[in-house]
Every structure is written in structure tokens, then in C-alpha cells.
Amino acid sequence: MTFNKASRDLDIRGRIDLTDGSAIELTSDNVFSYSINENNASSGFPLGSTSAGNYSLTINNVGKHLDGTLFDGAKVTVEIGLKGDDGQYAYSPFGQWYASNLSAPEQSVNATVTGYDALGMKFGAVFEDSADGYPCTLKDLFEDVCSLAGVSYRTSLFVNSDKPVSEMP
């Protein structure tokens, strides 16, 4: 498949997995706009912190009666497709995130779903800690936080992961 062209033909597709177990399939026919803002570092980050990306997806709402409560925490997966010389689209991931709000104004032909990546949604809660878990290592703390948030990780090896933490901070 060749993609070397002066202009490119793009497509978008995806899925919103609602909290009741149902899903909304996304195609270029029902997606009006999609934006990702991960440029939250303009003023810098405190040492050891990072920022979550925020997302906005505007979809066709004609004839639909979308229940906003089903979008709170719904998983949104989007892919972007690039058309090759063979006429087929090659799709690549273009964001997976969790909805936090649905805005569907009355009499509007569209609805906007906004949300954050897993860093913003799943790690936004207070970590309940206990003195019973100490002493431990930074790796142990990392694994506990990820487990409680329901987030998987590729590796638990990082700089200073083996450093001991003698008592609860």
C-alpha cells in the first residue's frame, strides 16, 4: 500500500461503549468533529507529575434521544484511516478515552461527548492507603495504585522502583 500523495483521503471510525453495555458505532457519516488536547505542558509540570489529555467528539444526534447518564465513564475508541492506492483504508488508533460529559442541546443536530484519557479518569480518585502495607518499595506502591484504579501497565520497572518506603507518607 502506498501513501505518498500530494493530498490524502482520510476516514474516521470508532465506538462508544456505554455504561449499560450497549455501544454506538462511529463512522465518518455520524462524526462531525474530533479534537485532542494534550498540550497542557505550556507552563511546565511539577516534578513527578503529568497531565491527562482531554478529548471532544461531536456526533450526529438527529432522531436520537441520548441518555447522558450512560456516557459518564463510557469508553470511547477512535481510529483514523488513510486511503492507499489500492482504494482501501489503513486504520490506526487515534485515541482511547473515557467520557465525562454529554452535551446535547435541545433542537440541536449534534451532541458533543467530552472526556479524558485513563490518567485523568481512572487516577482522579483518592488513594486509600494503610500503614499495614509498609515497609514496601516504590514498585509495590505503583502496582497497588494501578490495581485499585483498574489500570494495567506494561512494566513496573522504572528509575528507583526498588527504593524502599519504610512507612506510610
C-alpha atoms as a PDB file:
ATOM      1  CA  MET A   1       0.000   0.000   0.000  1.00  0.00           C
ATOM      2  CA  THR A   2       1.411   3.404  -0.988  1.00  0.00           C
ATOM      3  CA  PHE A   3       0.585   6.658   0.800  1.00  0.00           C
ATOM      4  CA  ASN A   4       2.890   9.122  -0.970  1.00  0.00           C
ATOM      5  CA  LYS A   5       0.415  11.651  -2.417  1.00  0.00           C
ATOM      6  CA  ALA A   6       0.005  15.409  -2.581  1.00  0.00           C
ATOM      7  CA  SER A   7      -3.334  15.117  -0.756  1.00  0.00           C
ATOM      8  CA  ARG A   8      -4.675  12.353   1.426  1.00  0.00           C
ATOM      9  CA  ASP A   9      -8.118  10.797   1.752  1.00  0.00           C
ATOM     10  CA  LEU A  10      -8.876  10.230   5.430  1.00  0.00           C
ATOM     11  CA  ASP A  11     -11.672   8.382   7.218  1.00  0.00           C
ATOM     12  CA  ILE A  12     -12.674   8.087  10.864  1.00  0.00           C
ATOM     13  CA  ARG A  13     -14.369   5.296  12.751  1.00  0.00           C
ATOM     14  CA  GLY A  14     -14.763   4.160  16.312  1.00  0.00           C
ATOM     15  CA  ARG A  15     -17.051   3.074  19.068  1.00  0.00           C
ATOM     16  CA  ILE A  16     -18.553   4.368  22.289  1.00  0.00           C
ATOM     17  CA  ASP A  17     -19.073   1.583  24.830  1.00  0.00           C
ATOM     18  CA  LEU A  18     -21.824   2.930  27.084  1.00  0.00           C
ATOM     19  CA  THR A  19     -22.086   2.025  30.760  1.00  0.00           C
ATOM     20  CA  ASP A  20     -25.230  -0.088  30.233  1.00  0.00           C
ATOM     21  CA  GLY A  21     -23.304  -2.483  27.963  1.00  0.00           C
ATOM     22  CA  SER A  22     -24.657  -1.084  24.688  1.00  0.00           C
ATOM     23  CA  ALA A  23     -22.488   0.626  22.102  1.00  0.00           C
ATOM     24  CA  ILE A  24     -22.651   3.366  19.497  1.00  0.00           C
ATOM     25  CA  GLU A  25     -20.666   2.642  16.340  1.00  0.00           C
ATOM     26  CA  LEU A  26     -18.914   5.688  14.891  1.00  0.00           C
ATOM     27  CA  THR A  27     -18.341   6.255  11.169  1.00  0.00           C
ATOM     28  CA  SER A  28     -17.463   9.262   9.051  1.00  0.00           C
ATOM     29  CA  ASP A  29     -21.228   9.574   8.421  1.00  0.00           C
ATOM     30  CA  ASN A  30     -22.004  10.397  12.059  1.00  0.00           C
ATOM     31  CA  VAL A  31     -18.821  12.136  13.283  1.00  0.00           C
ATOM     32  CA  PHE A  32     -18.850  15.917  12.841  1.00  0.00           C
ATOM     33  CA  SER A  33     -15.599  16.747  14.624  1.00  0.00           C
ATOM     34  CA  TYR A  34     -12.926  15.241  16.825  1.00  0.00           C
ATOM     35  CA  SER A  35     -10.268  17.060  18.817  1.00  0.00           C
ATOM     36  CA  ILE A  36      -7.484  16.050  21.171  1.00  0.00           C
ATOM     37  CA  ASN A  37      -5.731  18.439  23.526  1.00  0.00           C
ATOM     38  CA  GLU A  38      -2.564  17.021  25.024  1.00  0.00           C
ATOM     39  CA  ASN A  39      -0.667  20.299  25.052  1.00  0.00           C
ATOM     40  CA  ASN A  40      -1.183  21.032  28.721  1.00  0.00           C
ATOM     41  CA  ALA A  41       2.523  21.447  29.400  1.00  0.00           C
ATOM     42  CA  SER A  42       2.915  25.041  28.196  1.00  0.00           C
ATOM     43  CA  SER A  43       3.594  26.331  31.696  1.00  0.00           C
ATOM     44  CA  GLY A  44       5.565  23.264  32.788  1.00  0.00           C
ATOM     45  CA  PHE A  45       4.848  20.419  35.173  1.00  0.00           C
ATOM     46  CA  PRO A  46       5.832  19.990  38.793  1.00  0.00           C
ATOM     47  CA  LEU A  47       8.492  17.303  39.151  1.00  0.00           C
ATOM     48  CA  GLY A  48       6.959  13.829  39.143  1.00  0.00           C
ATOM     49  CA  SER A  49       3.621  14.859  37.658  1.00  0.00           C
ATOM     50  CA  THR A  50       1.975  14.605  34.284  1.00  0.00           C
ATOM     51  CA  SER A  51      -1.202  15.817  32.679  1.00  0.00           C
ATOM     52  CA  ALA A  52      -4.121  13.925  31.170  1.00  0.00           C
ATOM     53  CA  GLY A  53      -5.211  14.516  27.594  1.00  0.00           C
ATOM     54  CA  ASN A  54      -8.713  15.829  27.064  1.00  0.00           C
ATOM     55  CA  TYR A  55     -10.921  14.908  24.118  1.00  0.00           C
ATOM     56  CA  SER A  56     -14.013  16.203  22.362  1.00  0.00           C
ATOM     57  CA  LEU A  57     -16.138  14.284  19.861  1.00  0.00           C
ATOM     58  CA  THR A  58     -19.183  15.798  18.152  1.00  0.00           C
ATOM     59  CA  ILE A  59     -21.594  13.281  16.668  1.00  0.00           C
ATOM     60  CA  ASN A  60     -24.874  13.332  14.772  1.00  0.00           C
ATOM     61  CA  ASN A  61     -27.838  13.487  17.145  1.00  0.00           C
ATOM     62  CA  VAL A  62     -30.666  13.572  14.591  1.00  0.00           C
ATOM     63  CA  GLY A  63     -33.514  11.329  15.742  1.00  0.00           C
ATOM     64  CA  LYS A  64     -31.611  10.110  18.795  1.00  0.00           C
ATOM     65  CA  HIS A  65     -32.514  10.522  22.432  1.00  0.00           C
ATOM     66  CA  LEU A  66     -29.124  10.082  24.062  1.00  0.00           C
ATOM     67  CA  ASP A  67     -29.110   9.403  27.798  1.00  0.00           C
ATOM     68  CA  GLY A  68     -26.275  11.453  29.292  1.00  0.00           C
ATOM     69  CA  THR A  69     -26.019   9.196  32.351  1.00  0.00           C
ATOM     70  CA  LEU A  70     -24.878   6.309  30.116  1.00  0.00           C
ATOM     71  CA  PHE A  71     -21.911   8.373  28.921  1.00  0.00           C
ATOM     72  CA  ASP A  72     -20.369   9.023  32.342  1.00  0.00           C
ATOM     73  CA  GLY A  73     -17.301   6.760  32.240  1.00  0.00           C
ATOM     74  CA  ALA A  74     -18.140   5.294  28.797  1.00  0.00           C
ATOM     75  CA  LYS A  75     -15.079   4.125  26.853  1.00  0.00           C
ATOM     76  CA  VAL A  76     -14.550   5.917  23.539  1.00  0.00           C
ATOM     77  CA  THR A  77     -12.226   4.391  20.938  1.00  0.00           C
ATOM     78  CA  VAL A  78     -11.405   6.259  17.725  1.00  0.00           C
ATOM     79  CA  GLU A  79      -9.360   5.230  14.677  1.00  0.00           C
ATOM     80  CA  ILE A  80      -8.176   7.316  11.738  1.00  0.00           C
ATOM     81  CA  GLY A  81      -7.979   5.739   8.289  1.00  0.00           C
ATOM     82  CA  LEU A  82      -5.701   6.693   5.398  1.00  0.00           C
ATOM     83  CA  LYS A  83      -6.734   5.591   1.906  1.00  0.00           C
ATOM     84  CA  GLY A  84      -3.999   3.830  -0.067  1.00  0.00           C
ATOM     85  CA  ASP A  85      -3.515   3.466  -3.837  1.00  0.00           C
ATOM     86  CA  ASP A  86      -5.466   0.216  -3.708  1.00  0.00           C
ATOM     87  CA  GLY A  87      -8.580   2.115  -2.522  1.00  0.00           C
ATOM     88  CA  GLN A  88      -8.509   0.516   0.937  1.00  0.00           C
ATOM     89  CA  TYR A  89      -8.195   2.411   4.214  1.00  0.00           C
ATOM     90  CA  ALA A  90      -5.435   1.523   6.656  1.00  0.00           C
ATOM     91  CA  TYR A  91      -6.705   2.375  10.163  1.00  0.00           C
ATOM     92  CA  SER A  92      -4.582   3.380  13.140  1.00  0.00           C
ATOM     93  CA  PRO A  93      -5.569   4.126  16.749  1.00  0.00           C
ATOM     94  CA  PHE A  94      -6.438   7.798  17.243  1.00  0.00           C
ATOM     95  CA  GLY A  95      -7.329   7.857  20.908  1.00  0.00           C
ATOM     96  CA  GLN A  96      -8.967   5.796  23.613  1.00  0.00           C
ATOM     97  CA  TRP A  97     -10.534   7.763  26.419  1.00  0.00           C
ATOM     98  CA  TYR A  98     -13.389   7.915  28.900  1.00  0.00           C
ATOM     99  CA  ALA A  99     -16.388  10.211  28.583  1.00  0.00           C
ATOM    100  CA  SER A 100     -17.169  12.590  31.415  1.00  0.00           C
ATOM    101  CA  ASN A 101     -19.884  14.720  29.817  1.00  0.00           C
ATOM    102  CA  LEU A 102     -22.504  14.668  27.055  1.00  0.00           C
ATOM    103  CA  SER A 103     -23.884  17.940  25.780  1.00  0.00           C
ATOM    104  CA  ALA A 104     -26.908  17.580  23.503  1.00  0.00           C
ATOM    105  CA  PRO A 105     -28.720  20.923  23.368  1.00  0.00           C
ATOM    106  CA  GLU A 106     -32.427  20.797  22.622  1.00  0.00           C
ATOM    107  CA  GLN A 107     -33.230  21.284  18.911  1.00  0.00           C
ATOM    108  CA  SER A 108     -29.562  20.634  18.002  1.00  0.00           C
ATOM    109  CA  VAL A 109     -28.491  18.250  15.248  1.00  0.00           C
ATOM    110  CA  ASN A 110     -25.373  17.235  17.136  1.00  0.00           C
ATOM    111  CA  ALA A 111     -24.169  16.079  20.537  1.00  0.00           C
ATOM    112  CA  THR A 112     -20.715  16.610  21.989  1.00  0.00           C
ATOM    113  CA  VAL A 113     -19.016  13.995  24.145  1.00  0.00           C
ATOM    114  CA  THR A 114     -16.029  15.186  26.171  1.00  0.00           C
ATOM    115  CA  GLY A 115     -13.664  13.314  28.440  1.00  0.00           C
ATOM    116  CA  TYR A 116     -10.161  12.388  29.485  1.00  0.00           C
ATOM    117  CA  ASP A 117      -7.692   9.587  28.961  1.00  0.00           C
ATOM    118  CA  ALA A 118      -7.266   6.916  31.639  1.00  0.00           C
ATOM    119  CA  LEU A 119      -4.784   9.085  33.514  1.00  0.00           C
ATOM    120  CA  GLY A 120      -7.445  11.725  34.093  1.00  0.00           C
ATOM    121  CA  MET A 121     -10.428   9.457  34.674  1.00  0.00           C
ATOM    122  CA  LYS A 122      -9.088   6.436  36.499  1.00  0.00           C
ATOM    123  CA  PHE A 123      -6.419   8.136  38.590  1.00  0.00           C
ATOM    124  CA  GLY A 124      -8.653  11.035  39.609  1.00  0.00           C
ATOM    125  CA  ALA A 125      -9.696   9.375  42.881  1.00  0.00           C
ATOM    126  CA  VAL A 126      -8.102   9.484  46.319  1.00  0.00           C
ATOM    127  CA  PHE A 127      -5.719   6.598  47.022  1.00  0.00           C
ATOM    128  CA  GLU A 128      -6.797   4.929  50.253  1.00  0.00           C
ATOM    129  CA  ASP A 129      -3.593   3.921  51.969  1.00  0.00           C
ATOM    130  CA  SER A 130      -2.898   1.882  55.102  1.00  0.00           C
ATOM    131  CA  ALA A 131       0.112   1.629  57.402  1.00  0.00           C
ATOM    132  CA  ASP A 132      -0.229  -2.160  57.114  1.00  0.00           C
ATOM    133  CA  GLY A 133       1.296  -2.037  53.617  1.00  0.00           C
ATOM    134  CA  TYR A 134       4.669  -0.754  54.809  1.00  0.00           C
ATOM    135  CA  PRO A 135       7.570  -1.201  54.503  1.00  0.00           C
ATOM    136  CA  CYS A 136       7.426  -1.653  50.732  1.00  0.00           C
ATOM    137  CA  THR A 137       9.118  -0.375  47.572  1.00  0.00           C
ATOM    138  CA  LEU A 138       8.088   2.329  45.116  1.00  0.00           C
ATOM    139  CA  LYS A 139       7.309  -0.508  42.685  1.00  0.00           C
ATOM    140  CA  ASP A 140       4.880  -2.011  45.240  1.00  0.00           C
ATOM    141  CA  LEU A 141       3.113   1.356  45.641  1.00  0.00           C
ATOM    142  CA  PHE A 142       2.884   1.793  41.861  1.00  0.00           C
ATOM    143  CA  GLU A 143       1.357  -1.665  41.438  1.00  0.00           C
ATOM    144  CA  ASP A 144      -1.160  -1.030  44.263  1.00  0.00           C
ATOM    145  CA  VAL A 145      -2.297   2.287  42.768  1.00  0.00           C
ATOM    146  CA  CYS A 146      -2.728   0.754  39.299  1.00  0.00           C
ATOM    147  CA  SER A 147      -4.621  -2.213  40.706  1.00  0.00           C
ATOM    148  CA  LEU A 148      -7.029  -0.018  42.685  1.00  0.00           C
ATOM    149  CA  ALA A 149      -7.610   2.208  39.627  1.00  0.00           C
ATOM    150  CA  GLY A 150      -8.198  -0.806  37.382  1.00  0.00           C
ATOM    151  CA  VAL A 151      -5.362   0.143  35.034  1.00  0.00           C
ATOM    152  CA  SER A 152      -2.887  -2.294  33.502  1.00  0.00           C
ATOM    153  CA  TYR A 153       0.720  -1.347  32.816  1.00  0.00           C
ATOM    154  CA  ARG A 154       3.433  -2.635  30.503  1.00  0.00           C
ATOM    155  CA  THR A 155       6.181  -2.721  33.086  1.00  0.00           C
ATOM    156  CA  SER A 156       6.653  -1.912  36.737  1.00  0.00           C
ATOM    157  CA  LEU A 157      10.361  -1.288  36.317  1.00  0.00           C
ATOM    158  CA  PHE A 158      11.312   2.387  36.419  1.00  0.00           C
ATOM    159  CA  VAL A 159      14.039   4.560  37.896  1.00  0.00           C
ATOM    160  CA  ASN A 160      14.194   3.991  41.654  1.00  0.00           C
ATOM    161  CA  SER A 161      11.433   1.352  41.560  1.00  0.00           C
ATOM    162  CA  ASP A 162      13.421  -0.761  44.009  1.00  0.00           C
ATOM    163  CA  LYS A 163      13.790   2.068  46.552  1.00  0.00           C
ATOM    164  CA  PRO A 164      12.255   1.250  49.934  1.00  0.00           C
ATOM    165  CA  VAL A 165       9.499   3.240  51.583  1.00  0.00           C
ATOM    166  CA  SER A 166       9.770   2.494  55.280  1.00  0.00           C
ATOM    167  CA  GLU A 167       6.487   3.978  56.490  1.00  0.00           C
ATOM    168  CA  MET A 168       3.268   5.431  55.170  1.00  0.00           C
ATOM    169  CA  PRO A 169       3.860   9.016  53.945  1.00  0.00           C
END
